[in-house]
C-alpha atoms as a PDB file:
ATOM      1  CA  MET A   1     -19.459   4.792 -25.637  1.00  0.00           C
ATOM      2  CA  GLN A   2     -16.718   3.140 -27.676  1.00  0.00           C
ATOM      3  CA  LEU A   3     -13.282   4.760 -27.646  1.00  0.00           C
ATOM      4  CA  THR A   4     -10.549   4.345 -30.207  1.00  0.00           C
ATOM      5  CA  PRO A   5      -7.134   3.171 -29.010  1.00  0.00           C
ATOM      6  CA  GLU A   6      -5.824   6.737 -29.367  1.00  0.00           C
ATOM      7  CA  GLU A   7      -8.679   8.099 -27.261  1.00  0.00           C
ATOM      8  CA  LEU A   8      -8.062   5.448 -24.600  1.00  0.00           C
ATOM      9  CA  VAL A   9      -4.386   6.398 -24.444  1.00  0.00           C
ATOM     10  CA  ARG A  10      -5.298  10.077 -24.193  1.00  0.00           C
ATOM     11  CA  GLU A  11      -7.813   9.378 -21.396  1.00  0.00           C
ATOM     12  CA  PHE A  12      -5.255   7.265 -19.548  1.00  0.00           C
ATOM     13  CA  HIS A  13      -2.619   9.980 -19.899  1.00  0.00           C
ATOM     14  CA  ASP A  14      -5.057  12.585 -18.572  1.00  0.00           C
ATOM     15  CA  ALA A  15      -5.876  10.383 -15.571  1.00  0.00           C
ATOM     16  CA  VAL A  16      -2.180   9.823 -14.831  1.00  0.00           C
ATOM     17  CA  MET A  17      -1.491  13.565 -14.989  1.00  0.00           C
ATOM     18  CA  GLU A  18      -4.432  14.303 -12.667  1.00  0.00           C
ATOM     19  CA  LEU A  19      -3.101  11.744 -10.207  1.00  0.00           C
ATOM     20  CA  TYR A  20       0.401  13.232 -10.420  1.00  0.00           C
ATOM     21  CA  PHE A  21      -0.835  16.732  -9.613  1.00  0.00           C
ATOM     22  CA  ALA A  22      -3.177  15.481  -6.884  1.00  0.00           C
ATOM     23  CA  ARG A  23      -0.283  13.706  -5.158  1.00  0.00           C
ATOM     24  CA  LYS A  24       1.865  16.801  -5.529  1.00  0.00           C
ATOM     25  CA  ARG A  25      -0.894  18.882  -3.908  1.00  0.00           C
ATOM     26  CA  ILE A  26      -1.285  16.339  -1.103  1.00  0.00           C
ATOM     27  CA  THR A  27       2.448  16.561  -0.383  1.00  0.00           C
ATOM     28  CA  LEU A  28       2.269  20.354  -0.211  1.00  0.00           C
ATOM     29  CA  LEU A  29      -0.741  20.199   2.112  1.00  0.00           C
ATOM     30  CA  GLU A  30       1.019  17.674   4.361  1.00  0.00           C
ATOM     31  CA  GLU A  31       4.053  19.972   4.564  1.00  0.00           C
ATOM     32  CA  GLU A  32       1.828  22.948   5.367  1.00  0.00           C
ATOM     33  CA  ASN A  33       0.027  20.898   8.009  1.00  0.00           C
ATOM     34  CA  ALA A  34       3.340  19.907   9.615  1.00  0.00           C
ATOM     35  CA  ALA A  35       4.508  23.528   9.644  1.00  0.00           C
ATOM     36  CA  LEU A  36       1.262  24.675  11.233  1.00  0.00           C
ATOM     37  CA  ARG A  37       1.481  21.936  13.868  1.00  0.00           C
ATOM     38  CA  ALA A  38       5.064  22.967  14.627  1.00  0.00           C
ATOM     39  CA  HIS A  39       3.944  26.571  14.974  1.00  0.00           C
ATOM     40  CA  LEU A  40       1.147  25.537  17.330  1.00  0.00           C
ATOM     41  CA  ALA A  41       3.644  23.550  19.387  1.00  0.00           C
ATOM     42  CA  THR A  42       5.895  26.591  19.774  1.00  0.00           C
ATOM     43  CA  VAL A  43       3.056  28.798  21.007  1.00  0.00           C
ATOM     44  CA  GLY A  44       2.014  26.208  23.567  1.00  0.00           C
ATOM     45  CA  ALA A  45      -1.200  24.977  21.975  1.00  0.00           C
ATOM     46  CA  ASP A  46      -2.037  21.290  22.093  1.00  0.00           C
ATOM     47  CA  PRO A  47      -2.938  20.186  18.538  1.00  0.00           C
ATOM     48  CA  GLU A  48      -5.296  17.268  18.045  1.00  0.00           C
ATOM     49  CA  PRO A  49      -3.628  14.011  17.045  1.00  0.00           C
ATOM     50  CA  GLU A  50      -3.582  13.436  13.311  1.00  0.00           C
ATOM     51  CA  PRO A  51      -5.594  10.446  12.111  1.00  0.00           C
ATOM     52  CA  ASP A  52      -3.597   8.003  10.035  1.00  0.00           C
ATOM     53  CA  THR A  53      -5.813   8.061   6.938  1.00  0.00           C
ATOM     54  CA  GLY A  54      -3.064   8.375   4.346  1.00  0.00           C
ATOM     55  CA  ALA A  55      -1.515   4.991   5.075  1.00  0.00           C
ATOM     56  CA  ALA A  56      -4.879   3.282   4.658  1.00  0.00           C
ATOM     57  CA  ILE A  57      -5.122   4.444   1.046  1.00  0.00           C
ATOM     58  CA  GLY A  58      -1.467   3.959   0.199  1.00  0.00           C
ATOM     59  CA  ILE A  59      -0.205   7.533   0.443  1.00  0.00           C
ATOM     60  CA  GLY A  60       3.018   8.300   2.184  1.00  0.00           C
END
């Protein structure tokens, strides 16, 4: 499939916007995870250690 320059720009823009919103969602989920871990700590539960997967893919 051959794309025109305008279509390529539009596809690139769409991909950038998807990435932007995905990163935003990841940040919200990380904040929620931290809040839940803090809540577990206050009730005396022992949460499992969090694997460091985000750093391996360049997030955070």
